[in-house]
Amino acid sequence: MTTETDTRRIAFDRSDALVEFYRRMRLIRQFEDRASRLYKTNQIPGFLHLSIGQEASAVGACWPLDDRDIVTSTHRGHGHCIAKGLDVDGMFAELMGKATGTCKGRGGSMHIADPRKGIFGANGIVGAGMPIAVGAATAAQLHGDGAVVVAFFGDGAVAQGVFHESVNLAAVWDLPVIFFCENNGYAEFSPAADQHRATLEDRAAGYGVEFHSVDGNDVVAVATLQAELVSRIRDGAGPMIVEASTYRWHGHYEGDPQSYRHEDELAEWKLRDPLEVLAARMRAAGLHDRIDSVNSEVDDIIGRAVDLADKAPYPEAETAADYVISVRKVIPEPTSPTEGTWKTMHAITAALTRELDDDPTVFLAGIDVGEGGNVFGLTRGLAAKYPGRIRDTPISESAIMGTAVGAAMAGYRPVVELMYFDFIGVCLDQLMNQAAKMRFMTGGAASLPLVVRTQFAAGKSSGSQHSQSLEALLAHIPGLTVVMPSTPADTYGLLRAAIQDPNPVIFIENRLLYGMKGPKPSDDHLIPIGKAVVRRPGSDVTVVSYSSMMQSCLVVADRLSVQGIDVEVIDLRTITPLDFDTVLTSLKKTNRLVVVHQAVGEFGVGAEIAAKAVREGFWHLDAPVVRVTAEQSPAPYSPVLEKVWLPDETKIEAAIREVFEADPA
């Protein structure tokens, strides 16, 4: 059997190339045909989307790619994976949810990936692979090894905002990426003609990107075009769009009644079966016997793969939570600095500078982070010092987050900026469904060392869309780490630790702390992620807080100390993973607990801590747990209303007195 390494070395010689085209296409066809039958007998669970009829576009598009190149795929991605070199043994096992699957049974049909082979994933979210492709292409550009990225998508994905953001950003940065559209005529159940009023060629012109169309059922035509484009892009030609016209024989998903199309339409397309089109060319070249031998070879491969997958074990139940978080290096708690003075804003700049100096895979990207130096001047001067590694982006939050995901998977450590925390809703998919889940869905094969820096604050009449403290939203998503520092020294140490961390970290700053002054730590200062700290020891009441409210809690604690109430103040620093052990240790001593945060109270961080306190510290509680939070409404604009809405020192003191004076009986 011809190995994958051998086939990549085959020149575009007629006989050898035709046979290899046919072998790959036949492997895809037989894989999906067998998958369809296994699905009907319930040997494959979940959803199954097949690309039978589209084999030529997958094989032709991947033909000129080698090991340095990367593809992103769609929910209909089996063919792309096989064309890029993924073995069908692991794929069948993955579809069956077995431990020997490509992704150890964590991904399934819609999420098969192997970053080690440059396959950054089939994707259950329409269009979501395109921003990831932009990130992978950014890494390729920075690395400078001539790698090319191919982002597969369907005609329906053109209606997604991430299509626009991704193509535009790729064009602005001149990235080495081909956006490869497999236009099979339908966006799920709807004809493509009903979905768009502009052609893909028209759209390409709007982005200033080259456009090429090709018969997606003619593998030779696709491979010939793709070989030319890949060669040009390796030489610096920049991004391109390819539209391959093809057709899927099966429905949108297995079981789809297909009431939206006519049988005669399918019959007409089957007359242009891409395997038969190629077989006719092979017969004309005198390769009749090779067709039969390939068919026999592929049937054996498929039969063996299905047998192995069927006999393979399912994952052990105790491994259900494996691969969510990469193991962190141990960072000891440093000595708190006591000398020198600097501001939080300077700590951020210094941390970014140190990591950019120490690690060439670190780069920054975001809106106005380059020439503009960030809205608050935090990255001022870095663009000149690190050319190419400080990247201004369009106002395209989804593309920015996707860039971080793709670049991290490609071996870089991106730090991207979300200008305001409130804008998280614009790009939540790339964090919630991509960054947070990719390691898990690939069975630990993907690494996501990325940082999203963002900021929030309330109290200065910024209004409902620029004042929100949304950390609980992200803390609820397994796979994300959420960090919220409260001092200049911790900001420096935690930001450096976040950039060095192997996991996706959301680093949330409070803009009202940017001017806060505090002692300056050493240049090597690092703070352990996931570890709270006792800011002020006490014996009567435990107060837990973080970010800017920490400072208010310390002020209140000092004021109450002269009145005979000894308050212990704990700074969480990291929201998730939550260090409840430090809280519980304090609770065992004080027997009273108050939680303070600027976010609204219901379903928030305080609610989680209160629930843990009742569960794990019930016998130590001498009073109900009290939360001090913002009121349950959007942030008001009027200063008078905002003052009522926000927690403040008066409310914190009242809560402490309430639990202190409660009768434990």
Foldseek 3Di string as FASTA:
>chain_A
DQAPVRQLPDDVDPQSVLLVLLLLLLLLQVLVVVVLVCVVVVLFDDWAFEFQFQLLLLLLLQNNADQLAAEEAALHCPSNCSSLPDAVLQLLLLRSQFCSHQQRSQAHSQFRAFLNRRYLTRHHDAPLVLLLQLLQQLLCVLVLPLYAYEYEHELLSCPDPSVVQRLLQQLVVLTRYEDEYAYAQDDQLHGSVVVDPDDPCVVCVVSVAAEEEFASLANVGSNVVSNVSSVVVSVRPGYHYYYHYIHGLDHRINVPPNPRDDPVVSVVRVVSRSSVVSVVVCVVVVNVVSSVVSSVVSVVSSVVSNVSSVPGHRDDPVCPPPQQFDDWDDDDADDDFDDDKDALLQLLLLLLVVCVVVDVLEAEEEACCACNVAPVNSNPPVCVVDPSRYYHGDPQVQSQLSSQLNNQQNPGQYEYEDAAPLCCVRRVCSVQVGQRCSRNNSNNSGWRLYEYEHEADDQQLPFQRGHADCQLVNLVRGQEWEFFAAGSLQSNQDVNSSSVGRGYYYYYAYPVRRGPMDGHDDSPHHHDGQDKDWPFDWFAEEEEEEHNVLVLLVVLQVVCVVVPHTYTYIYQRILPVTDCVVVLVNLLRHLHYEYEDAHADPSGSQVVSQVCCCVPVVVSHLFRYYYFYFHPDGQHRDSVVNVVRGGGNVNSNVRSCVRSPRGSD
